[in-house]
Amino acid sequence: MCTLQKTERKLAMSSENTELKLRLRDGLKMQLLQKMGVESLNVMLQLVCFFIT
């Protein structure tokens, strides 16, 4: 019984860790996408301004 609880706890902790890792990875992906999006938007705006003037 004691060992089962311990293993369950370990499993729960490891699953939480993987979830956190996945969340962190997703967060980093989102940040990268946002960065790229902002940069591409800036480039597009510069191009538009260039063509307008």
PDB file of N, CA and C in Angstrom:
ATOM      1  N   MET A   1       0.835  -1.204   0.000  1.00  0.00           N
ATOM      2  CA  MET A   1       0.000   0.000   0.000  1.00  0.00           C
ATOM      3  C   MET A   1       0.871   1.255   0.000  1.00  0.00           C
ATOM      4  N   CYS A   2       1.851   1.262   0.867  1.00  0.00           N
ATOM      5  CA  CYS A   2       2.736   2.419   0.982  1.00  0.00           C
ATOM      6  C   CYS A   2       3.492   2.635  -0.334  1.00  0.00           C
ATOM      7  N   THR A   3       4.017   1.534  -0.885  1.00  0.00           N
ATOM      8  CA  THR A   3       4.783   1.654  -2.123  1.00  0.00           C
ATOM      9  C   THR A   3       3.877   2.123  -3.263  1.00  0.00           C
ATOM     10  N   LEU A   4       2.657   1.623  -3.305  1.00  0.00           N
ATOM     11  CA  LEU A   4       1.720   2.016  -4.353  1.00  0.00           C
ATOM     12  C   LEU A   4       1.456   3.518  -4.295  1.00  0.00           C
ATOM     13  N   GLN A   5       1.223   4.020  -3.083  1.00  0.00           N
ATOM     14  CA  GLN A   5       0.990   5.458  -2.923  1.00  0.00           C
ATOM     15  C   GLN A   5       2.204   6.253  -3.388  1.00  0.00           C
ATOM     16  N   LYS A   6       3.386   5.760  -3.026  1.00  0.00           N
ATOM     17  CA  LYS A   6       4.611   6.456  -3.413  1.00  0.00           C
ATOM     18  C   LYS A   6       4.736   6.514  -4.932  1.00  0.00           C
ATOM     19  N   THR A   7       4.508   5.372  -5.583  1.00  0.00           N
ATOM     20  CA  THR A   7       4.624   5.349  -7.043  1.00  0.00           C
ATOM     21  C   THR A   7       3.567   6.250  -7.675  1.00  0.00           C
ATOM     22  N   GLU A   8       2.359   6.238  -7.118  1.00  0.00           N
ATOM     23  CA  GLU A   8       1.296   7.100  -7.638  1.00  0.00           C
ATOM     24  C   GLU A   8       1.712   8.563  -7.525  1.00  0.00           C
ATOM     25  N   ARG A   9       2.277   8.906  -6.382  1.00  0.00           N
ATOM     26  CA  ARG A   9       2.724  10.277  -6.166  1.00  0.00           C
ATOM     27  C   ARG A   9       3.806  10.647  -7.179  1.00  0.00           C
ATOM     28  N   LYS A  10       4.749   9.729  -7.361  1.00  0.00           N
ATOM     29  CA  LYS A  10       5.830   9.972  -8.316  1.00  0.00           C
ATOM     30  C   LYS A  10       5.265  10.184  -9.716  1.00  0.00           C
ATOM     31  N   LEU A  11       4.318   9.331 -10.087  1.00  0.00           N
ATOM     32  CA  LEU A  11       3.696   9.452 -11.402  1.00  0.00           C
ATOM     33  C   LEU A  11       2.987  10.791 -11.542  1.00  0.00           C
ATOM     34  N   ALA A  12       2.247  11.163 -10.514  1.00  0.00           N
ATOM     35  CA  ALA A  12       1.525  12.434 -10.537  1.00  0.00           C
ATOM     36  C   ALA A  12       2.502  13.590 -10.704  1.00  0.00           C
ATOM     37  N   MET A  13       3.598  13.541  -9.955  1.00  0.00           N
ATOM     38  CA  MET A  13       4.595  14.604 -10.035  1.00  0.00           C
ATOM     39  C   MET A  13       5.218  14.665 -11.422  1.00  0.00           C
ATOM     40  N   SER A  14       5.557  13.497 -11.970  1.00  0.00           N
ATOM     41  CA  SER A  14       6.186  13.477 -13.287  1.00  0.00           C
ATOM     42  C   SER A  14       5.216  13.977 -14.352  1.00  0.00           C
ATOM     43  N   SER A  15       3.940  13.599 -14.237  1.00  0.00           N
ATOM     44  CA  SER A  15       2.958  14.066 -15.215  1.00  0.00           C
ATOM     45  C   SER A  15       2.788  15.573 -15.100  1.00  0.00           C
ATOM     46  N   GLU A  16       2.809  16.081 -13.869  1.00  0.00           N
ATOM     47  CA  GLU A  16       2.727  17.529 -13.674  1.00  0.00           C
ATOM     48  C   GLU A  16       3.929  18.212 -14.311  1.00  0.00           C
ATOM     49  N   ASN A  17       5.101  17.606 -14.127  1.00  0.00           N
ATOM     50  CA  ASN A  17       6.315  18.179 -14.703  1.00  0.00           C
ATOM     51  C   ASN A  17       6.227  18.223 -16.221  1.00  0.00           C
ATOM     52  N   THR A  18       5.760  17.127 -16.824  1.00  0.00           N
ATOM     53  CA  THR A  18       5.651  17.102 -18.281  1.00  0.00           C
ATOM     54  C   THR A  18       4.645  18.143 -18.746  1.00  0.00           C
ATOM     55  N   GLU A  19       3.561  18.289 -17.988  1.00  0.00           N
ATOM     56  CA  GLU A  19       2.547  19.286 -18.335  1.00  0.00           C
ATOM     57  C   GLU A  19       3.159  20.682 -18.294  1.00  0.00           C
ATOM     58  N   LEU A  20       3.943  20.934 -17.236  1.00  0.00           N
ATOM     59  CA  LEU A  20       4.605  22.234 -17.107  1.00  0.00           C
ATOM     60  C   LEU A  20       5.569  22.459 -18.267  1.00  0.00           C
ATOM     61  N   LYS A  21       6.327  21.413 -18.607  1.00  0.00           N
ATOM     62  CA  LYS A  21       7.273  21.523 -19.716  1.00  0.00           C
ATOM     63  C   LYS A  21       6.542  21.840 -21.010  1.00  0.00           C
ATOM     64  N   LEU A  22       5.425  21.126 -21.239  1.00  0.00           N
ATOM     65  CA  LEU A  22       4.638  21.373 -22.446  1.00  0.00           C
ATOM     66  C   LEU A  22       4.108  22.798 -22.457  1.00  0.00           C
ATOM     67  N   ARG A  23       3.622  23.245 -21.309  1.00  0.00           N
ATOM     68  CA  ARG A  23       3.098  24.614 -21.211  1.00  0.00           C
ATOM     69  C   ARG A  23       4.193  25.621 -21.505  1.00  0.00           C
ATOM     70  N   LEU A  24       5.382  25.379 -20.940  1.00  0.00           N
ATOM     71  CA  LEU A  24       6.509  26.281 -21.170  1.00  0.00           C
ATOM     72  C   LEU A  24       6.859  26.320 -22.649  1.00  0.00           C
ATOM     73  N   ARG A  25       6.889  25.124 -23.258  1.00  0.00           N
ATOM     74  CA  ARG A  25       7.220  25.039 -24.682  1.00  0.00           C
ATOM     75  C   ARG A  25       6.179  25.787 -25.518  1.00  0.00           C
ATOM     76  N   ASP A  26       4.899  25.571 -25.191  1.00  0.00           N
ATOM     77  CA  ASP A  26       3.832  26.269 -25.906  1.00  0.00           C
ATOM     78  C   ASP A  26       3.973  27.771 -25.724  1.00  0.00           C
ATOM     79  N   GLY A  27       4.289  28.190 -24.491  1.00  0.00           N
ATOM     80  CA  GLY A  27       4.462  29.609 -24.217  1.00  0.00           C
ATOM     81  C   GLY A  27       5.596  30.193 -25.042  1.00  0.00           C
ATOM     82  N   LEU A  28       6.711  29.450 -25.124  1.00  0.00           N
ATOM     83  CA  LEU A  28       7.849  29.918 -25.909  1.00  0.00           C
ATOM     84  C   LEU A  28       7.473  30.010 -27.375  1.00  0.00           C
ATOM     85  N   LYS A  29       6.732  29.009 -27.855  1.00  0.00           N
ATOM     86  CA  LYS A  29       6.273  29.023 -29.246  1.00  0.00           C
ATOM     87  C   LYS A  29       5.432  30.257 -29.508  1.00  0.00           C
ATOM     88  N   MET A  30       4.491  30.518 -28.588  1.00  0.00           N
ATOM     89  CA  MET A  30       3.616  31.676 -28.747  1.00  0.00           C
ATOM     90  C   MET A  30       4.436  32.962 -28.783  1.00  0.00           C
ATOM     91  N   GLN A  31       5.406  33.073 -27.875  1.00  0.00           N
ATOM     92  CA  GLN A  31       6.250  34.269 -27.827  1.00  0.00           C
ATOM     93  C   GLN A  31       7.008  34.439 -29.137  1.00  0.00           C
ATOM     94  N   LEU A  32       7.551  33.325 -29.651  1.00  0.00           N
ATOM     95  CA  LEU A  32       8.288  33.379 -30.910  1.00  0.00           C
ATOM     96  C   LEU A  32       7.377  33.811 -32.041  1.00  0.00           C
ATOM     97  N   LEU A  33       6.186  33.214 -32.094  1.00  0.00           N
ATOM     98  CA  LEU A  33       5.225  33.557 -33.141  1.00  0.00           C
ATOM     99  C   LEU A  33       4.838  35.022 -33.052  1.00  0.00           C
ATOM    100  N   GLN A  34       4.595  35.489 -31.834  1.00  0.00           N
ATOM    101  CA  GLN A  34       4.230  36.890 -31.645  1.00  0.00           C
ATOM    102  C   GLN A  34       5.368  37.798 -32.104  1.00  0.00           C
ATOM    103  N   LYS A  35       6.590  37.443 -31.725  1.00  0.00           N
ATOM    104  CA  LYS A  35       7.760  38.224 -32.123  1.00  0.00           C
ATOM    105  C   LYS A  35       7.847  38.290 -33.643  1.00  0.00           C
ATOM    106  N   MET A  36       7.747  37.103 -34.273  1.00  0.00           N
ATOM    107  CA  MET A  36       7.829  37.031 -35.723  1.00  0.00           C
ATOM    108  C   MET A  36       6.696  37.822 -36.353  1.00  0.00           C
ATOM    109  N   GLY A  37       5.495  37.687 -35.788  1.00  0.00           N
ATOM    110  CA  GLY A  37       4.338  38.406 -36.307  1.00  0.00           C
ATOM    111  C   GLY A  37       4.549  39.902 -36.246  1.00  0.00           C
ATOM    112  N   VAL A  38       5.032  40.370 -35.103  1.00  0.00           N
ATOM    113  CA  VAL A  38       5.274  41.805 -34.931  1.00  0.00           C
ATOM    114  C   VAL A  38       6.331  42.279 -35.917  1.00  0.00           C
ATOM    115  N   GLU A  39       7.401  41.502 -36.051  1.00  0.00           N
ATOM    116  CA  GLU A  39       8.479  41.894 -36.959  1.00  0.00           C
ATOM    117  C   GLU A  39       7.988  41.926 -38.399  1.00  0.00           C
ATOM    118  N   SER A  40       7.223  40.915 -38.805  1.00  0.00           N
ATOM    119  CA  SER A  40       6.711  40.886 -40.173  1.00  0.00           C
ATOM    120  C   SER A  40       5.736  42.031 -40.398  1.00  0.00           C
ATOM    121  N   LEU A  41       4.943  42.351 -39.360  1.00  0.00           N
ATOM    122  CA  LEU A  41       4.025  43.494 -39.461  1.00  0.00           C
ATOM    123  C   LEU A  41       4.807  44.779 -39.670  1.00  0.00           C
ATOM    124  N   ASN A  42       5.877  44.948 -38.909  1.00  0.00           N
ATOM    125  CA  ASN A  42       6.716  46.142 -39.051  1.00  0.00           C
ATOM    126  C   ASN A  42       7.288  46.225 -40.457  1.00  0.00           C
ATOM    127  N   VAL A  43       7.762  45.092 -40.968  1.00  0.00           N
ATOM    128  CA  VAL A  43       8.324  45.063 -42.322  1.00  0.00           C
ATOM    129  C   VAL A  43       7.257  45.440 -43.335  1.00  0.00           C
ATOM    130  N   MET A  44       6.055  44.869 -43.175  1.00  0.00           N
ATOM    131  CA  MET A  44       4.966  45.169 -44.102  1.00  0.00           C
ATOM    132  C   MET A  44       4.596  46.644 -44.042  1.00  0.00           C
ATOM    133  N   LEU A  45       4.540  47.187 -42.826  1.00  0.00           N
ATOM    134  CA  LEU A  45       4.224  48.612 -42.669  1.00  0.00           C
ATOM    135  C   LEU A  45       5.280  49.470 -43.355  1.00  0.00           C
ATOM    136  N   GLN A  46       6.537  49.096 -43.197  1.00  0.00           N
ATOM    137  CA  GLN A  46       7.625  49.839 -43.830  1.00  0.00           C
ATOM    138  C   GLN A  46       7.482  49.781 -45.345  1.00  0.00           C
ATOM    139  N   LEU A  47       7.140  48.598 -45.865  1.00  0.00           N
ATOM    140  CA  LEU A  47       6.952  48.448 -47.308  1.00  0.00           C
ATOM    141  C   LEU A  47       5.802  49.317 -47.788  1.00  0.00           C
ATOM    142  N   VAL A  48       4.695  49.277 -47.047  1.00  0.00           N
ATOM    143  CA  VAL A  48       3.528  50.084 -47.409  1.00  0.00           C
ATOM    144  C   VAL A  48       3.895  51.557 -47.420  1.00  0.00           C
ATOM    145  N   CYS A  49       4.559  52.009 -46.368  1.00  0.00           N
ATOM    146  CA  CYS A  49       4.984  53.414 -46.286  1.00  0.00           C
ATOM    147  C   CYS A  49       5.910  53.747 -47.449  1.00  0.00           C
ATOM    148  N   PHE A  50       6.787  52.810 -47.785  1.00  0.00           N
ATOM    149  CA  PHE A  50       7.734  53.021 -48.878  1.00  0.00           C
ATOM    150  C   PHE A  50       6.990  53.193 -50.195  1.00  0.00           C
ATOM    151  N   PHE A  51       5.967  52.360 -50.414  1.00  0.00           N
ATOM    152  CA  PHE A  51       5.214  52.436 -51.667  1.00  0.00           C
ATOM    153  C   PHE A  51       4.327  53.673 -51.714  1.00  0.00           C
ATOM    154  N   ILE A  52       3.826  54.098 -50.572  1.00  0.00           N
ATOM    155  CA  ILE A  52       2.948  55.273 -50.528  1.00  0.00           C
ATOM    156  C   ILE A  52       3.740  56.537 -50.845  1.00  0.00           C
ATOM    157  N   THR A  53       4.952  56.642 -50.277  1.00  0.00           N
ATOM    158  CA  THR A  53       5.725  57.877 -50.460  1.00  0.00           C
ATOM    159  C   THR A  53       6.417  57.935 -51.807  1.00  0.00           C
TER     160      THR A  53
END
